[in-house]
Amino acid sequence: MAKAILLTTFAPWLPHHTSNASDDLLQHFIDARGDACDYLRHLPVDPVAAPRMVLDAFERLRPKVLVCCGMAETRSRLELETQAVLDGSVLHSDLNLPRLADGLTLTAVSDDAGDFVCNALYYRCLEHVQATAGEHHCLFVHVPVLTAENTAALTQSFAAIINRLTAEI
């Protein structure tokens, strides 16, 4: 049986990356929560292939919420993305992101999903789920590089976000 939430992550994307922070965070989440969600990990860093793979999994599993995660090497906290932009068209998440982030350490709301694969994936996923007339929802979470100092707080915040999403659906 499919779970209510599908979480996705990317594979490493630059030569100096030994892992992808989004996948590292997801592994900490899995270690704590087990099979609470469905997972699609190590997506290719490809703005065409990644959305295709995620939307295929979405159609197969039909989760209430699709949560895509990507690494943001220059950011210092989890950032819940409000929107994705493609060719001047802007799509917004219909989730209450300020409520999801409220009171969480190292978590903020952002309106910059980037200009490469994260944004492309988010745009295609928002476009797809919005065609379901409110039955499904989508969120993109940017994850900073994990360190010994921030991993516990980021993992706790991420778990709280997933708990809040689960409570809302």
N, C-alpha and C. Protein backbone atom coordinates (compact mmCIF):
# COMPACT_ATOMS: atom_id res chain seq x y z
N MET A 1 0.84 -1.19 0.00
CA MET A 1 0.00 0.00 0.00
C MET A 1 0.89 1.25 0.00
N ALA A 2 0.54 2.21 -0.82
CA ALA A 2 1.31 3.45 -0.92
C ALA A 2 1.12 4.28 0.36
N LYS A 3 2.14 5.04 0.68
CA LYS A 3 2.11 5.93 1.84
C LYS A 3 1.52 7.28 1.43
N ALA A 4 1.23 8.10 2.43
CA ALA A 4 0.63 9.41 2.16
C ALA A 4 1.64 10.40 1.60
N ILE A 5 2.93 10.16 1.83
CA ILE A 5 3.96 11.10 1.39
C ILE A 5 5.03 10.35 0.60
N LEU A 6 5.42 10.94 -0.52
CA LEU A 6 6.55 10.46 -1.32
C LEU A 6 7.66 11.49 -1.20
N LEU A 7 8.84 11.05 -0.74
CA LEU A 7 10.01 11.91 -0.59
C LEU A 7 11.03 11.55 -1.66
N THR A 8 11.60 12.58 -2.29
CA THR A 8 12.61 12.34 -3.33
C THR A 8 13.89 13.09 -3.01
N THR A 9 15.01 12.54 -3.52
CA THR A 9 16.31 13.20 -3.39
C THR A 9 17.11 13.01 -4.67
N PHE A 10 18.13 13.82 -4.80
CA PHE A 10 19.03 13.74 -5.95
C PHE A 10 20.31 13.00 -5.61
N ALA A 11 20.97 12.52 -6.64
CA ALA A 11 22.32 11.97 -6.53
C ALA A 11 23.30 13.14 -6.41
N PRO A 12 24.56 12.87 -6.03
CA PRO A 12 25.57 13.94 -6.04
C PRO A 12 25.68 14.55 -7.43
N TRP A 13 26.03 15.85 -7.50
CA TRP A 13 26.01 16.50 -8.81
C TRP A 13 27.28 17.22 -9.20
N LEU A 14 28.17 17.48 -8.29
CA LEU A 14 29.45 18.09 -8.65
C LEU A 14 30.59 17.15 -8.25
N PRO A 15 31.70 17.22 -8.96
CA PRO A 15 32.80 16.28 -8.69
C PRO A 15 33.28 16.27 -7.23
N HIS A 16 33.21 17.42 -6.55
CA HIS A 16 33.70 17.45 -5.17
C HIS A 16 32.67 16.93 -4.15
N HIS A 17 31.47 16.59 -4.59
CA HIS A 17 30.46 16.03 -3.69
C HIS A 17 30.61 14.52 -3.59
N THR A 18 30.76 14.04 -2.38
CA THR A 18 30.77 12.59 -2.17
C THR A 18 29.37 12.06 -1.92
N SER A 19 28.46 12.96 -1.60
CA SER A 19 27.06 12.60 -1.40
C SER A 19 26.23 13.86 -1.65
N ASN A 20 24.92 13.70 -1.58
CA ASN A 20 24.02 14.84 -1.74
C ASN A 20 23.38 15.09 -0.37
N ALA A 21 23.44 16.30 0.12
CA ALA A 21 22.93 16.61 1.46
C ALA A 21 21.46 16.25 1.60
N SER A 22 20.68 16.40 0.54
CA SER A 22 19.26 16.04 0.64
C SER A 22 19.11 14.55 0.91
N ASP A 23 19.93 13.74 0.26
CA ASP A 23 19.85 12.30 0.48
C ASP A 23 20.43 11.93 1.85
N ASP A 24 21.47 12.62 2.26
CA ASP A 24 22.03 12.38 3.60
C ASP A 24 20.97 12.66 4.67
N LEU A 25 20.26 13.78 4.54
CA LEU A 25 19.21 14.12 5.50
C LEU A 25 18.09 13.08 5.46
N LEU A 26 17.73 12.66 4.28
CA LEU A 26 16.67 11.66 4.16
C LEU A 26 17.10 10.35 4.84
N GLN A 27 18.37 10.00 4.73
CA GLN A 27 18.83 8.78 5.41
C GLN A 27 18.69 8.92 6.92
N HIS A 28 19.02 10.08 7.47
CA HIS A 28 18.82 10.30 8.92
C HIS A 28 17.34 10.19 9.27
N PHE A 29 16.48 10.72 8.42
CA PHE A 29 15.03 10.63 8.64
C PHE A 29 14.58 9.17 8.61
N ILE A 30 15.04 8.42 7.62
CA ILE A 30 14.67 7.01 7.51
C ILE A 30 15.16 6.23 8.73
N ASP A 31 16.38 6.52 9.17
CA ASP A 31 16.92 5.84 10.35
C ASP A 31 16.02 6.07 11.57
N ALA A 32 15.43 7.25 11.66
CA ALA A 32 14.56 7.59 12.80
C ALA A 32 13.12 7.12 12.61
N ARG A 33 12.63 7.19 11.36
CA ARG A 33 11.20 6.93 11.11
C ARG A 33 10.91 5.68 10.31
N GLY A 34 11.91 5.05 9.76
CA GLY A 34 11.69 3.82 8.99
C GLY A 34 10.88 4.06 7.73
N ASP A 35 9.88 3.24 7.56
CA ASP A 35 9.10 3.27 6.31
C ASP A 35 7.84 4.13 6.43
N ALA A 36 7.95 5.25 7.13
CA ALA A 36 6.79 6.13 7.31
C ALA A 36 6.31 6.75 6.00
N CYS A 37 7.19 6.80 5.02
CA CYS A 37 6.88 7.42 3.73
C CYS A 37 7.37 6.50 2.62
N ASP A 38 7.01 6.84 1.40
CA ASP A 38 7.63 6.21 0.24
C ASP A 38 8.82 7.07 -0.15
N TYR A 39 9.84 6.44 -0.74
CA TYR A 39 11.07 7.15 -1.07
C TYR A 39 11.49 6.87 -2.50
N LEU A 40 11.96 7.91 -3.17
CA LEU A 40 12.58 7.80 -4.49
C LEU A 40 13.89 8.57 -4.37
N ARG A 41 14.99 7.84 -4.28
CA ARG A 41 16.27 8.45 -3.95
C ARG A 41 17.23 8.42 -5.14
N HIS A 42 18.21 9.32 -5.07
CA HIS A 42 19.31 9.37 -6.03
C HIS A 42 18.84 9.67 -7.45
N LEU A 43 17.91 10.62 -7.56
CA LEU A 43 17.47 11.04 -8.90
C LEU A 43 18.65 11.59 -9.68
N PRO A 44 18.65 11.40 -10.98
CA PRO A 44 19.72 12.00 -11.78
C PRO A 44 19.59 13.53 -11.78
N VAL A 45 20.71 14.20 -11.80
CA VAL A 45 20.70 15.66 -11.84
C VAL A 45 20.50 16.07 -13.30
N ASP A 46 19.27 15.91 -13.72
CA ASP A 46 18.89 16.12 -15.12
C ASP A 46 17.49 16.72 -15.13
N PRO A 47 17.32 17.93 -15.70
CA PRO A 47 16.03 18.61 -15.62
C PRO A 47 14.91 17.97 -16.44
N VAL A 48 15.23 16.98 -17.26
CA VAL A 48 14.20 16.25 -18.00
C VAL A 48 13.95 14.89 -17.37
N ALA A 49 15.02 14.15 -17.10
CA ALA A 49 14.89 12.80 -16.57
C ALA A 49 14.32 12.78 -15.15
N ALA A 50 14.77 13.69 -14.29
CA ALA A 50 14.31 13.68 -12.89
C ALA A 50 12.80 13.89 -12.80
N PRO A 51 12.22 14.91 -13.45
CA PRO A 51 10.76 15.05 -13.36
C PRO A 51 10.02 13.83 -13.92
N ARG A 52 10.53 13.26 -15.00
CA ARG A 52 9.87 12.09 -15.59
C ARG A 52 9.83 10.95 -14.57
N MET A 53 10.95 10.70 -13.90
CA MET A 53 11.02 9.61 -12.92
C MET A 53 10.10 9.89 -11.72
N VAL A 54 10.10 11.12 -11.24
CA VAL A 54 9.26 11.46 -10.09
C VAL A 54 7.78 11.35 -10.45
N LEU A 55 7.40 11.86 -11.59
CA LEU A 55 5.99 11.81 -11.97
C LEU A 55 5.53 10.39 -12.27
N ASP A 56 6.41 9.55 -12.78
CA ASP A 56 6.07 8.13 -12.95
C ASP A 56 5.80 7.49 -11.59
N ALA A 57 6.66 7.77 -10.61
CA ALA A 57 6.46 7.24 -9.26
C ALA A 57 5.20 7.82 -8.63
N PHE A 58 4.96 9.11 -8.86
CA PHE A 58 3.76 9.75 -8.33
C PHE A 58 2.51 9.05 -8.87
N GLU A 59 2.47 8.79 -10.15
CA GLU A 59 1.30 8.14 -10.75
C GLU A 59 1.13 6.72 -10.25
N ARG A 60 2.21 6.04 -10.00
CA ARG A 60 2.15 4.67 -9.51
C ARG A 60 1.69 4.63 -8.04
N LEU A 61 2.20 5.55 -7.22
CA LEU A 61 1.96 5.52 -5.78
C LEU A 61 0.79 6.40 -5.33
N ARG A 62 0.53 7.48 -6.05
CA ARG A 62 -0.55 8.43 -5.74
C ARG A 62 -0.52 8.95 -4.30
N PRO A 63 0.63 9.49 -3.84
CA PRO A 63 0.69 10.04 -2.49
C PRO A 63 -0.14 11.32 -2.38
N LYS A 64 -0.56 11.65 -1.19
CA LYS A 64 -1.26 12.92 -0.97
C LYS A 64 -0.30 14.09 -1.13
N VAL A 65 0.95 13.90 -0.69
CA VAL A 65 1.95 14.96 -0.78
C VAL A 65 3.23 14.41 -1.38
N LEU A 66 3.74 15.16 -2.33
CA LEU A 66 5.03 14.88 -2.95
C LEU A 66 6.01 15.90 -2.40
N VAL A 67 7.06 15.43 -1.72
CA VAL A 67 8.08 16.31 -1.15
C VAL A 67 9.40 16.02 -1.84
N CYS A 68 9.83 16.97 -2.66
CA CYS A 68 11.10 16.84 -3.36
C CYS A 68 12.17 17.59 -2.58
N CYS A 69 13.32 16.96 -2.43
CA CYS A 69 14.40 17.56 -1.67
C CYS A 69 15.64 17.70 -2.55
N GLY A 70 16.33 18.82 -2.41
CA GLY A 70 17.54 19.05 -3.17
C GLY A 70 18.56 19.78 -2.33
N MET A 71 19.80 19.57 -2.68
CA MET A 71 20.91 20.19 -1.97
C MET A 71 21.09 21.64 -2.40
N ALA A 72 21.30 22.50 -1.43
CA ALA A 72 21.61 23.91 -1.69
C ALA A 72 22.89 24.23 -0.93
N GLU A 73 23.99 24.05 -1.59
CA GLU A 73 25.30 24.13 -0.96
C GLU A 73 25.58 25.47 -0.30
N THR A 74 25.00 26.55 -0.80
CA THR A 74 25.30 27.88 -0.26
C THR A 74 24.30 28.32 0.81
N ARG A 75 23.30 27.51 1.10
CA ARG A 75 22.32 27.89 2.11
C ARG A 75 22.70 27.27 3.45
N SER A 76 22.13 27.84 4.51
CA SER A 76 22.52 27.39 5.85
C SER A 76 21.37 26.78 6.64
N ARG A 77 20.21 26.64 6.01
CA ARG A 77 19.04 26.09 6.71
C ARG A 77 18.15 25.39 5.70
N LEU A 78 17.18 24.64 6.21
CA LEU A 78 16.16 24.07 5.34
C LEU A 78 15.35 25.22 4.79
N GLU A 79 15.05 25.19 3.50
CA GLU A 79 14.23 26.25 2.91
C GLU A 79 13.08 25.61 2.15
N LEU A 80 11.88 25.96 2.56
CA LEU A 80 10.65 25.48 1.94
C LEU A 80 10.31 26.44 0.81
N GLU A 81 10.32 25.94 -0.41
CA GLU A 81 10.16 26.80 -1.58
C GLU A 81 8.69 27.07 -1.89
N THR A 82 8.36 28.35 -2.04
CA THR A 82 6.99 28.76 -2.33
C THR A 82 6.60 28.57 -3.78
N GLN A 83 7.61 28.63 -4.68
CA GLN A 83 7.28 28.69 -6.11
C GLN A 83 8.38 28.12 -6.97
N ALA A 84 7.98 27.83 -8.21
CA ALA A 84 8.93 27.46 -9.27
C ALA A 84 8.57 28.30 -10.49
N VAL A 85 9.58 28.62 -11.29
CA VAL A 85 9.40 29.51 -12.44
C VAL A 85 9.97 28.83 -13.69
N LEU A 86 9.20 28.85 -14.76
CA LEU A 86 9.68 28.31 -16.03
C LEU A 86 9.18 29.19 -17.16
N ASP A 87 10.10 29.72 -17.93
CA ASP A 87 9.76 30.57 -19.09
C ASP A 87 8.76 31.67 -18.73
N GLY A 88 8.96 32.30 -17.57
CA GLY A 88 8.11 33.40 -17.14
C GLY A 88 6.82 32.98 -16.45
N SER A 89 6.52 31.70 -16.46
CA SER A 89 5.33 31.18 -15.78
C SER A 89 5.71 30.80 -14.36
N VAL A 90 4.89 31.20 -13.39
CA VAL A 90 5.17 30.94 -11.98
C VAL A 90 4.06 30.06 -11.41
N LEU A 91 4.46 28.97 -10.76
CA LEU A 91 3.52 28.10 -10.05
C LEU A 91 3.87 28.13 -8.58
N HIS A 92 2.84 28.16 -7.74
CA HIS A 92 3.03 28.25 -6.28
C HIS A 92 2.52 26.99 -5.60
N SER A 93 3.18 26.63 -4.52
CA SER A 93 2.68 25.55 -3.68
C SER A 93 1.40 26.02 -3.00
N ASP A 94 0.44 25.12 -2.85
CA ASP A 94 -0.79 25.48 -2.15
C ASP A 94 -0.72 25.13 -0.66
N LEU A 95 0.41 24.67 -0.20
CA LEU A 95 0.59 24.36 1.21
C LEU A 95 0.89 25.63 2.00
N ASN A 96 0.53 25.64 3.27
CA ASN A 96 0.81 26.78 4.14
C ASN A 96 2.24 26.65 4.67
N LEU A 97 3.18 27.16 3.89
CA LEU A 97 4.60 26.98 4.23
C LEU A 97 5.00 27.71 5.50
N PRO A 98 4.51 28.94 5.76
CA PRO A 98 4.86 29.56 7.05
C PRO A 98 4.43 28.71 8.24
N ARG A 99 3.27 28.06 8.15
CA ARG A 99 2.83 27.20 9.25
C ARG A 99 3.73 25.96 9.36
N LEU A 100 4.16 25.42 8.23
CA LEU A 100 5.05 24.27 8.27
C LEU A 100 6.40 24.61 8.90
N ALA A 101 6.88 25.82 8.68
CA ALA A 101 8.19 26.25 9.19
C ALA A 101 8.13 26.87 10.58
N ASP A 102 6.94 27.20 11.05
CA ASP A 102 6.79 27.97 12.29
C ASP A 102 7.51 27.32 13.47
N GLY A 103 8.42 28.08 14.06
CA GLY A 103 9.11 27.66 15.27
C GLY A 103 10.20 26.63 15.09
N LEU A 104 10.50 26.27 13.85
CA LEU A 104 11.51 25.24 13.61
C LEU A 104 12.90 25.85 13.47
N THR A 105 13.84 25.27 14.16
CA THR A 105 15.23 25.70 14.10
C THR A 105 15.79 25.47 12.70
N LEU A 106 16.52 26.41 12.20
CA LEU A 106 17.19 26.30 10.91
C LEU A 106 16.23 26.01 9.75
N THR A 107 15.04 26.61 9.80
CA THR A 107 14.05 26.41 8.74
C THR A 107 13.43 27.75 8.37
N ALA A 108 13.28 27.97 7.06
CA ALA A 108 12.70 29.22 6.57
C ALA A 108 11.91 28.95 5.29
N VAL A 109 11.13 29.94 4.91
CA VAL A 109 10.39 29.89 3.65
C VAL A 109 11.17 30.71 2.64
N SER A 110 11.27 30.20 1.42
CA SER A 110 12.05 30.84 0.37
C SER A 110 11.22 30.92 -0.91
N ASP A 111 11.54 31.89 -1.76
CA ASP A 111 10.89 31.96 -3.07
C ASP A 111 11.91 31.80 -4.20
N ASP A 112 13.00 31.08 -3.91
CA ASP A 112 14.05 30.89 -4.90
C ASP A 112 14.40 29.41 -5.02
N ALA A 113 13.71 28.73 -5.91
CA ALA A 113 13.95 27.30 -6.14
C ALA A 113 15.16 27.07 -7.04
N GLY A 114 15.89 28.14 -7.35
CA GLY A 114 17.08 28.01 -8.18
C GLY A 114 16.75 28.17 -9.65
N ASP A 115 17.74 27.87 -10.47
CA ASP A 115 17.51 28.03 -11.90
C ASP A 115 17.97 26.82 -12.69
N PHE A 116 18.04 25.67 -12.02
CA PHE A 116 18.46 24.47 -12.73
C PHE A 116 17.52 23.32 -12.38
N VAL A 117 18.05 22.20 -11.99
CA VAL A 117 17.27 20.98 -11.86
C VAL A 117 16.24 21.06 -10.72
N CYS A 118 16.55 21.69 -9.60
CA CYS A 118 15.58 21.80 -8.51
C CYS A 118 14.33 22.54 -8.97
N ASN A 119 14.53 23.68 -9.59
CA ASN A 119 13.42 24.47 -10.10
C ASN A 119 12.64 23.71 -11.17
N ALA A 120 13.35 23.06 -12.09
CA ALA A 120 12.70 22.31 -13.16
C ALA A 120 11.84 21.19 -12.59
N LEU A 121 12.39 20.46 -11.63
CA LEU A 121 11.63 19.38 -11.00
C LEU A 121 10.40 19.94 -10.28
N TYR A 122 10.60 20.98 -9.50
CA TYR A 122 9.49 21.55 -8.74
C TYR A 122 8.40 22.07 -9.66
N TYR A 123 8.77 22.75 -10.73
CA TYR A 123 7.78 23.29 -11.66
C TYR A 123 6.94 22.16 -12.26
N ARG A 124 7.60 21.13 -12.75
CA ARG A 124 6.87 20.01 -13.39
C ARG A 124 5.99 19.28 -12.39
N CYS A 125 6.46 19.14 -11.16
CA CYS A 125 5.67 18.47 -10.14
C CYS A 125 4.48 19.33 -9.72
N LEU A 126 4.69 20.63 -9.52
CA LEU A 126 3.57 21.52 -9.19
C LEU A 126 2.53 21.50 -10.31
N GLU A 127 2.99 21.58 -11.53
CA GLU A 127 2.10 21.56 -12.69
C GLU A 127 1.25 20.28 -12.68
N HIS A 128 1.88 19.17 -12.40
CA HIS A 128 1.19 17.89 -12.41
C HIS A 128 0.19 17.76 -11.26
N VAL A 129 0.61 18.07 -10.05
CA VAL A 129 -0.30 17.91 -8.91
C VAL A 129 -1.42 18.94 -8.93
N GLN A 130 -1.16 20.12 -9.46
CA GLN A 130 -2.24 21.12 -9.52
C GLN A 130 -3.34 20.71 -10.47
N ALA A 131 -3.04 19.82 -11.39
CA ALA A 131 -4.07 19.30 -12.29
C ALA A 131 -5.00 18.33 -11.58
N THR A 132 -4.69 17.96 -10.33
CA THR A 132 -5.53 17.03 -9.58
C THR A 132 -6.60 17.77 -8.77
N ALA A 133 -6.74 19.05 -8.96
CA ALA A 133 -7.78 19.86 -8.30
C ALA A 133 -7.77 19.73 -6.79
N GLY A 134 -6.60 19.87 -6.19
CA GLY A 134 -6.50 19.91 -4.74
C GLY A 134 -6.41 18.56 -4.06
N GLU A 135 -6.44 17.47 -4.80
CA GLU A 135 -6.33 16.14 -4.20
C GLU A 135 -4.92 15.85 -3.70
N HIS A 136 -3.93 16.45 -4.35
CA HIS A 136 -2.53 16.19 -4.04
C HIS A 136 -1.80 17.53 -3.89
N HIS A 137 -0.68 17.48 -3.19
CA HIS A 137 0.08 18.69 -2.92
C HIS A 137 1.56 18.41 -3.17
N CYS A 138 2.32 19.50 -3.33
CA CYS A 138 3.74 19.37 -3.62
C CYS A 138 4.54 20.41 -2.84
N LEU A 139 5.73 20.02 -2.44
CA LEU A 139 6.64 20.89 -1.71
C LEU A 139 8.06 20.58 -2.15
N PHE A 140 8.87 21.63 -2.26
CA PHE A 140 10.30 21.44 -2.49
C PHE A 140 11.04 21.97 -1.28
N VAL A 141 11.97 21.16 -0.76
CA VAL A 141 12.78 21.54 0.39
C VAL A 141 14.24 21.56 -0.03
N HIS A 142 14.87 22.72 0.10
CA HIS A 142 16.31 22.81 -0.12
C HIS A 142 17.01 22.50 1.19
N VAL A 143 18.06 21.71 1.09
CA VAL A 143 18.80 21.22 2.25
C VAL A 143 20.24 21.72 2.18
N PRO A 144 20.74 22.36 3.24
CA PRO A 144 22.15 22.79 3.24
C PRO A 144 23.07 21.59 3.44
N VAL A 145 24.34 21.82 3.27
CA VAL A 145 25.33 20.78 3.56
C VAL A 145 25.22 20.42 5.04
N LEU A 146 25.19 19.14 5.33
CA LEU A 146 25.10 18.68 6.71
C LEU A 146 26.48 18.70 7.36
N THR A 147 26.49 19.13 8.60
CA THR A 147 27.72 19.15 9.40
C THR A 147 27.43 18.52 10.76
N ALA A 148 28.49 18.30 11.52
CA ALA A 148 28.31 17.76 12.87
C ALA A 148 27.46 18.70 13.72
N GLU A 149 27.55 20.00 13.43
CA GLU A 149 26.83 20.99 14.23
C GLU A 149 25.36 21.12 13.85
N ASN A 150 24.99 20.87 12.60
CA ASN A 150 23.61 21.15 12.20
C ASN A 150 22.75 19.92 11.92
N THR A 151 23.34 18.74 11.82
CA THR A 151 22.59 17.56 11.39
C THR A 151 21.42 17.24 12.30
N ALA A 152 21.61 17.24 13.59
CA ALA A 152 20.52 16.89 14.51
C ALA A 152 19.36 17.88 14.40
N ALA A 153 19.67 19.17 14.39
CA ALA A 153 18.61 20.18 14.30
C ALA A 153 17.89 20.12 12.95
N LEU A 154 18.64 19.91 11.87
CA LEU A 154 18.00 19.81 10.56
C LEU A 154 17.12 18.57 10.47
N THR A 155 17.58 17.47 11.01
CA THR A 155 16.79 16.24 10.99
C THR A 155 15.52 16.40 11.81
N GLN A 156 15.62 17.03 12.97
CA GLN A 156 14.43 17.27 13.80
C GLN A 156 13.44 18.19 13.09
N SER A 157 13.95 19.24 12.46
CA SER A 157 13.07 20.16 11.74
C SER A 157 12.40 19.46 10.57
N PHE A 158 13.16 18.67 9.83
CA PHE A 158 12.59 17.95 8.69
C PHE A 158 11.51 16.98 9.16
N ALA A 159 11.77 16.26 10.23
CA ALA A 159 10.77 15.33 10.77
C ALA A 159 9.51 16.09 11.21
N ALA A 160 9.69 17.26 11.81
CA ALA A 160 8.53 18.06 12.22
C ALA A 160 7.71 18.51 11.00
N ILE A 161 8.39 18.89 9.93
CA ILE A 161 7.69 19.29 8.70
C ILE A 161 6.87 18.12 8.17
N ILE A 162 7.46 16.95 8.13
CA ILE A 162 6.75 15.76 7.63
C ILE A 162 5.58 15.43 8.57
N ASN A 163 5.78 15.54 9.87
CA ASN A 163 4.69 15.31 10.83
C ASN A 163 3.55 16.29 10.60
N ARG A 164 3.88 17.56 10.39
CA ARG A 164 2.85 18.57 10.16
C ARG A 164 2.11 18.31 8.85
N LEU A 165 2.83 17.90 7.83
CA LEU A 165 2.17 17.57 6.57
C LEU A 165 1.23 16.38 6.76
N THR A 166 1.69 15.37 7.47
CA THR A 166 0.88 14.19 7.70
C THR A 166 -0.40 14.55 8.47
N ALA A 167 -0.27 15.45 9.44
CA ALA A 167 -1.44 15.88 10.23
C ALA A 167 -2.44 16.66 9.40
N GLU A 168 -1.95 17.39 8.39
CA GLU A 168 -2.83 18.22 7.57
C GLU A 168 -3.57 17.44 6.49
N ILE A 169 -3.04 16.30 6.11
CA ILE A 169 -3.67 15.56 5.02
C ILE A 169 -4.48 14.47 5.58
